[in-house]
Amino acid sequence: MVKYIIYLLVALLIIDHVWTHYGPKIINAVASNLSGKEVKVVEENSEKKSVLDNAIEKFQENVLRR
């Protein structure tokens, strides 16, 4: 049971990471494909970080600080 909870948490982290970095690109590509012309539905925010990015950044800060 614990194994499946860990799998679920890992899947959610991966989904959050992909959605944060590639979500606007995917949405704009699908909207452009459906409308037949170049459409920008969602603005891309290059400064936005996912939970995984924040965790990696915190880990690197803690390791480099020692």
PDB file of N, CA and C in Angstrom:
ATOM      1  N   MET A   1       0.821  -1.192   0.000  1.00  0.00           N
ATOM      2  CA  MET A   1       0.000   0.000   0.000  1.00  0.00           C
ATOM      3  C   MET A   1       0.862   1.251   0.000  1.00  0.00           C
ATOM      4  N   VAL A   2       1.921   1.260   0.798  1.00  0.00           N
ATOM      5  CA  VAL A   2       2.817   2.411   0.859  1.00  0.00           C
ATOM      6  C   VAL A   2       3.501   2.614  -0.488  1.00  0.00           C
ATOM      7  N   LYS A   3       3.805   1.521  -1.164  1.00  0.00           N
ATOM      8  CA  LYS A   3       4.444   1.589  -2.468  1.00  0.00           C
ATOM      9  C   LYS A   3       3.564   2.367  -3.456  1.00  0.00           C
ATOM     10  N   TYR A   4       2.256   2.136  -3.427  1.00  0.00           N
ATOM     11  CA  TYR A   4       1.352   2.810  -4.347  1.00  0.00           C
ATOM     12  C   TYR A   4       1.194   4.284  -4.012  1.00  0.00           C
ATOM     13  N   ILE A   5       1.267   4.615  -2.749  1.00  0.00           N
ATOM     14  CA  ILE A   5       1.209   6.023  -2.345  1.00  0.00           C
ATOM     15  C   ILE A   5       2.450   6.757  -2.829  1.00  0.00           C
ATOM     16  N   ILE A   6       3.600   6.106  -2.727  1.00  0.00           N
ATOM     17  CA  ILE A   6       4.840   6.707  -3.226  1.00  0.00           C
ATOM     18  C   ILE A   6       4.773   6.876  -4.739  1.00  0.00           C
ATOM     19  N   TYR A   7       4.261   5.882  -5.447  1.00  0.00           N
ATOM     20  CA  TYR A   7       4.093   5.993  -6.901  1.00  0.00           C
ATOM     21  C   TYR A   7       3.179   7.162  -7.248  1.00  0.00           C
ATOM     22  N   LEU A   8       2.099   7.319  -6.492  1.00  0.00           N
ATOM     23  CA  LEU A   8       1.165   8.417  -6.730  1.00  0.00           C
ATOM     24  C   LEU A   8       1.838   9.766  -6.509  1.00  0.00           C
ATOM     25  N   LEU A   9       2.618   9.895  -5.451  1.00  0.00           N
ATOM     26  CA  LEU A   9       3.318  11.149  -5.171  1.00  0.00           C
ATOM     27  C   LEU A   9       4.351  11.469  -6.256  1.00  0.00           C
ATOM     28  N   VAL A  10       5.076  10.467  -6.708  1.00  0.00           N
ATOM     29  CA  VAL A  10       6.048  10.671  -7.780  1.00  0.00           C
ATOM     30  C   VAL A  10       5.340  11.078  -9.068  1.00  0.00           C
ATOM     31  N   ALA A  11       4.218  10.435  -9.366  1.00  0.00           N
ATOM     32  CA  ALA A  11       3.456  10.784 -10.565  1.00  0.00           C
ATOM     33  C   ALA A  11       2.949  12.227 -10.482  1.00  0.00           C
ATOM     34  N   LEU A  12       2.466  12.634  -9.315  1.00  0.00           N
ATOM     35  CA  LEU A  12       1.991  14.007  -9.159  1.00  0.00           C
ATOM     36  C   LEU A  12       3.126  15.021  -9.308  1.00  0.00           C
ATOM     37  N   LEU A  13       4.301  14.696  -8.798  1.00  0.00           N
ATOM     38  CA  LEU A  13       5.455  15.586  -8.965  1.00  0.00           C
ATOM     39  C   LEU A  13       5.839  15.721 -10.438  1.00  0.00           C
ATOM     40  N   ILE A  14       5.822  14.620 -11.152  1.00  0.00           N
ATOM     41  CA  ILE A  14       6.160  14.654 -12.579  1.00  0.00           C
ATOM     42  C   ILE A  14       5.112  15.430 -13.361  1.00  0.00           C
ATOM     43  N   ILE A  15       3.837  15.209 -13.063  1.00  0.00           N
ATOM     44  CA  ILE A  15       2.763  15.937 -13.740  1.00  0.00           C
ATOM     45  C   ILE A  15       2.875  17.425 -13.474  1.00  0.00           C
ATOM     46  N   ASP A  16       3.144  17.801 -12.226  1.00  0.00           N
ATOM     47  CA  ASP A  16       3.300  19.215 -11.887  1.00  0.00           C
ATOM     48  C   ASP A  16       4.475  19.823 -12.639  1.00  0.00           C
ATOM     49  N   HIS A  17       5.579  19.113 -12.722  1.00  0.00           N
ATOM     50  CA  HIS A  17       6.762  19.615 -13.407  1.00  0.00           C
ATOM     51  C   HIS A  17       6.485  19.815 -14.899  1.00  0.00           C
ATOM     52  N   VAL A  18       5.894  18.821 -15.531  1.00  0.00           N
ATOM     53  CA  VAL A  18       5.589  18.907 -16.964  1.00  0.00           C
ATOM     54  C   VAL A  18       4.575  20.012 -17.219  1.00  0.00           C
ATOM     55  N   TRP A  19       3.537  20.103 -16.386  1.00  0.00           N
ATOM     56  CA  TRP A  19       2.510  21.122 -16.583  1.00  0.00           C
ATOM     57  C   TRP A  19       3.085  22.528 -16.407  1.00  0.00           C
ATOM     58  N   THR A  20       3.972  22.709 -15.449  1.00  0.00           N
ATOM     59  CA  THR A  20       4.561  24.020 -15.200  1.00  0.00           C
ATOM     60  C   THR A  20       5.427  24.472 -16.367  1.00  0.00           C
ATOM     61  N   HIS A  21       6.226  23.567 -16.919  1.00  0.00           N
ATOM     62  CA  HIS A  21       7.166  23.957 -17.958  1.00  0.00           C
ATOM     63  C   HIS A  21       6.609  23.844 -19.373  1.00  0.00           C
ATOM     64  N   TYR A  22       5.714  22.906 -19.619  1.00  0.00           N
ATOM     65  CA  TYR A  22       5.244  22.667 -20.977  1.00  0.00           C
ATOM     66  C   TYR A  22       3.748  22.883 -21.158  1.00  0.00           C
ATOM     67  N   GLY A  23       3.005  23.154 -20.094  1.00  0.00           N
ATOM     68  CA  GLY A  23       1.561  23.338 -20.184  1.00  0.00           C
ATOM     69  C   GLY A  23       1.140  24.448 -21.124  1.00  0.00           C
ATOM     70  N   PRO A  24       1.676  25.674 -20.967  1.00  0.00           N
ATOM     71  CA  PRO A  24       1.282  26.751 -21.884  1.00  0.00           C
ATOM     72  C   PRO A  24       1.625  26.452 -23.344  1.00  0.00           C
ATOM     73  N   LYS A  25       2.762  25.817 -23.581  1.00  0.00           N
ATOM     74  CA  LYS A  25       3.137  25.474 -24.959  1.00  0.00           C
ATOM     75  C   LYS A  25       2.154  24.482 -25.558  1.00  0.00           C
ATOM     76  N   ILE A  26       1.756  23.488 -24.756  1.00  0.00           N
ATOM     77  CA  ILE A  26       0.808  22.475 -25.228  1.00  0.00           C
ATOM     78  C   ILE A  26      -0.551  23.106 -25.495  1.00  0.00           C
ATOM     79  N   ILE A  27      -1.022  23.951 -24.586  1.00  0.00           N
ATOM     80  CA  ILE A  27      -2.325  24.597 -24.750  1.00  0.00           C
ATOM     81  C   ILE A  27      -2.332  25.475 -25.995  1.00  0.00           C
ATOM     82  N   ASN A  28      -1.290  26.277 -26.183  1.00  0.00           N
ATOM     83  CA  ASN A  28      -1.215  27.146 -27.354  1.00  0.00           C
ATOM     84  C   ASN A  28      -1.116  26.341 -28.646  1.00  0.00           C
ATOM     85  N   ALA A  29      -0.389  25.231 -28.634  1.00  0.00           N
ATOM     86  CA  ALA A  29      -0.274  24.399 -29.831  1.00  0.00           C
ATOM     87  C   ALA A  29      -1.607  23.756 -30.194  1.00  0.00           C
ATOM     88  N   VAL A  30      -2.326  23.262 -29.199  1.00  0.00           N
ATOM     89  CA  VAL A  30      -3.631  22.642 -29.466  1.00  0.00           C
ATOM     90  C   VAL A  30      -4.625  23.691 -29.960  1.00  0.00           C
ATOM     91  N   ALA A  31      -4.639  24.872 -29.322  1.00  0.00           N
ATOM     92  CA  ALA A  31      -5.556  25.936 -29.742  1.00  0.00           C
ATOM     93  C   ALA A  31      -5.225  26.408 -31.154  1.00  0.00           C
ATOM     94  N   SER A  32      -3.941  26.527 -31.479  1.00  0.00           N
ATOM     95  CA  SER A  32      -3.547  26.939 -32.824  1.00  0.00           C
ATOM     96  C   SER A  32      -3.930  25.888 -33.853  1.00  0.00           C
ATOM     97  N   ASN A  33      -3.774  24.629 -33.487  1.00  0.00           N
ATOM     98  CA  ASN A  33      -4.133  23.542 -34.397  1.00  0.00           C
ATOM     99  C   ASN A  33      -5.636  23.518 -34.649  1.00  0.00           C
ATOM    100  N   LEU A  34      -6.434  23.729 -33.615  1.00  0.00           N
ATOM    101  CA  LEU A  34      -7.880  23.681 -33.765  1.00  0.00           C
ATOM    102  C   LEU A  34      -8.433  24.891 -34.519  1.00  0.00           C
ATOM    103  N   SER A  35      -7.810  26.045 -34.342  1.00  0.00           N
ATOM    104  CA  SER A  35      -8.318  27.254 -35.008  1.00  0.00           C
ATOM    105  C   SER A  35      -7.748  27.419 -36.410  1.00  0.00           C
ATOM    106  N   GLY A  36      -6.658  26.744 -36.712  1.00  0.00           N
ATOM    107  CA  GLY A  36      -6.082  26.832 -38.046  1.00  0.00           C
ATOM    108  C   GLY A  36      -5.146  28.012 -38.229  1.00  0.00           C
ATOM    109  N   LYS A  37      -4.911  28.774 -37.191  1.00  0.00           N
ATOM    110  CA  LYS A  37      -3.967  29.892 -37.265  1.00  0.00           C
ATOM    111  C   LYS A  37      -3.233  29.985 -35.937  1.00  0.00           C
ATOM    112  N   GLU A  38      -2.172  30.769 -35.908  1.00  0.00           N
ATOM    113  CA  GLU A  38      -1.371  30.911 -34.694  1.00  0.00           C
ATOM    114  C   GLU A  38      -2.153  31.693 -33.640  1.00  0.00           C
ATOM    115  N   VAL A  39      -2.405  31.049 -32.512  1.00  0.00           N
ATOM    116  CA  VAL A  39      -3.175  31.647 -31.422  1.00  0.00           C
ATOM    117  C   VAL A  39      -2.366  31.542 -30.140  1.00  0.00           C
ATOM    118  N   LYS A  40      -2.401  32.605 -29.344  1.00  0.00           N
ATOM    119  CA  LYS A  40      -1.729  32.577 -28.039  1.00  0.00           C
ATOM    120  C   LYS A  40      -2.807  32.720 -26.976  1.00  0.00           C
ATOM    121  N   VAL A  41      -3.136  31.601 -26.346  1.00  0.00           N
ATOM    122  CA  VAL A  41      -4.200  31.565 -25.342  1.00  0.00           C
ATOM    123  C   VAL A  41      -3.637  31.830 -23.952  1.00  0.00           C
ATOM    124  N   VAL A  42      -2.482  31.244 -23.670  1.00  0.00           N
ATOM    125  CA  VAL A  42      -1.873  31.327 -22.345  1.00  0.00           C
ATOM    126  C   VAL A  42      -0.484  31.939 -22.484  1.00  0.00           C
ATOM    127  N   GLU A  43      -0.203  32.906 -21.630  1.00  0.00           N
ATOM    128  CA  GLU A  43       1.138  33.504 -21.603  1.00  0.00           C
ATOM    129  C   GLU A  43       2.093  32.568 -20.866  1.00  0.00           C
ATOM    130  N   GLU A  44       3.305  32.454 -21.380  1.00  0.00           N
ATOM    131  CA  GLU A  44       4.314  31.622 -20.736  1.00  0.00           C
ATOM    132  C   GLU A  44       5.072  32.444 -19.704  1.00  0.00           C
ATOM    133  N   ASN A  45       5.220  31.888 -18.513  1.00  0.00           N
ATOM    134  CA  ASN A  45       5.954  32.540 -17.453  1.00  0.00           C
ATOM    135  C   ASN A  45       7.244  31.763 -17.232  1.00  0.00           C
ATOM    136  N   SER A  46       8.370  32.343 -17.632  1.00  0.00           N
ATOM    137  CA  SER A  46       9.638  31.615 -17.543  1.00  0.00           C
ATOM    138  C   SER A  46      10.160  31.535 -16.110  1.00  0.00           C
ATOM    139  N   GLU A  47       9.645  32.372 -15.214  1.00  0.00           N
ATOM    140  CA  GLU A  47      10.119  32.377 -13.831  1.00  0.00           C
ATOM    141  C   GLU A  47       9.364  31.407 -12.932  1.00  0.00           C
ATOM    142  N   LYS A  48       8.290  30.823 -13.425  1.00  0.00           N
ATOM    143  CA  LYS A  48       7.487  29.920 -12.620  1.00  0.00           C
ATOM    144  C   LYS A  48       8.238  28.616 -12.381  1.00  0.00           C
ATOM    145  N   LYS A  49       8.200  28.136 -11.135  1.00  0.00           N
ATOM    146  CA  LYS A  49       8.907  26.914 -10.777  1.00  0.00           C
ATOM    147  C   LYS A  49       7.923  25.873 -10.261  1.00  0.00           C
ATOM    148  N   SER A  50       8.217  24.623 -10.566  1.00  0.00           N
ATOM    149  CA  SER A  50       7.396  23.529 -10.074  1.00  0.00           C
ATOM    150  C   SER A  50       7.865  23.125  -8.679  1.00  0.00           C
ATOM    151  N   VAL A  51       7.110  22.256  -8.057  1.00  0.00           N
ATOM    152  CA  VAL A  51       7.471  21.748  -6.731  1.00  0.00           C
ATOM    153  C   VAL A  51       8.813  21.025  -6.801  1.00  0.00           C
ATOM    154  N   LEU A  52       9.015  20.275  -7.866  1.00  0.00           N
ATOM    155  CA  LEU A  52      10.263  19.539  -8.051  1.00  0.00           C
ATOM    156  C   LEU A  52      11.444  20.499  -8.209  1.00  0.00           C
ATOM    157  N   ASP A  53      11.260  21.592  -8.960  1.00  0.00           N
ATOM    158  CA  ASP A  53      12.321  22.590  -9.105  1.00  0.00           C
ATOM    159  C   ASP A  53      12.681  23.204  -7.761  1.00  0.00           C
ATOM    160  N   ASN A  54      11.661  23.545  -6.976  1.00  0.00           N
ATOM    161  CA  ASN A  54      11.914  24.123  -5.654  1.00  0.00           C
ATOM    162  C   ASN A  54      12.638  23.150  -4.732  1.00  0.00           C
ATOM    163  N   ALA A  55      12.252  21.884  -4.785  1.00  0.00           N
ATOM    164  CA  ALA A  55      12.905  20.877  -3.940  1.00  0.00           C
ATOM    165  C   ALA A  55      14.365  20.691  -4.335  1.00  0.00           C
ATOM    166  N   ILE A  56      14.637  20.652  -5.626  1.00  0.00           N
ATOM    167  CA  ILE A  56      16.015  20.509  -6.095  1.00  0.00           C
ATOM    168  C   ILE A  56      16.838  21.723  -5.700  1.00  0.00           C
ATOM    169  N   GLU A  57      16.249  22.903  -5.821  1.00  0.00           N
ATOM    170  CA  GLU A  57      16.953  24.127  -5.440  1.00  0.00           C
ATOM    171  C   GLU A  57      17.287  24.140  -3.944  1.00  0.00           C
ATOM    172  N   LYS A  58      16.326  23.759  -3.113  1.00  0.00           N
ATOM    173  CA  LYS A  58      16.567  23.692  -1.661  1.00  0.00           C
ATOM    174  C   LYS A  58      17.646  22.663  -1.331  1.00  0.00           C
ATOM    175  N   PHE A  59      17.599  21.509  -1.999  1.00  0.00           N
ATOM    176  CA  PHE A  59      18.597  20.466  -1.778  1.00  0.00           C
ATOM    177  C   PHE A  59      19.988  20.964  -2.143  1.00  0.00           C
ATOM    178  N   GLN A  60      20.099  21.641  -3.280  1.00  0.00           N
ATOM    179  CA  GLN A  60      21.393  22.162  -3.704  1.00  0.00           C
ATOM    180  C   GLN A  60      21.905  23.219  -2.732  1.00  0.00           C
ATOM    181  N   GLU A  61      21.025  24.069  -2.220  1.00  0.00           N
ATOM    182  CA  GLU A  61      21.430  25.077  -1.249  1.00  0.00           C
ATOM    183  C   GLU A  61      21.965  24.415   0.022  1.00  0.00           C
ATOM    184  N   ASN A  62      21.281  23.387   0.480  1.00  0.00           N
ATOM    185  CA  ASN A  62      21.713  22.698   1.703  1.00  0.00           C
ATOM    186  C   ASN A  62      23.025  21.942   1.506  1.00  0.00           C
ATOM    187  N   VAL A  63      23.217  21.336   0.356  1.00  0.00           N
ATOM    188  CA  VAL A  63      24.449  20.581   0.106  1.00  0.00           C
ATOM    189  C   VAL A  63      25.619  21.532  -0.088  1.00  0.00           C
ATOM    190  N   LEU A  64      25.406  22.617  -0.818  1.00  0.00           N
ATOM    191  CA  LEU A  64      26.495  23.551  -1.077  1.00  0.00           C
ATOM    192  C   LEU A  64      26.860  24.379   0.150  1.00  0.00           C
ATOM    193  N   ARG A  65      25.919  24.530   1.061  1.00  0.00           N
ATOM    194  CA  ARG A  65      26.177  25.323   2.265  1.00  0.00           C
ATOM    195  C   ARG A  65      27.104  24.587   3.215  1.00  0.00           C
ATOM    196  N   ARG A  66      27.120  23.263   3.197  1.00  0.00           N
ATOM    197  CA  ARG A  66      27.931  22.469   4.116  1.00  0.00           C
ATOM    198  C   ARG A  66      29.366  22.468   3.755  1.00  0.00           C
TER     199      ARG A  66
END
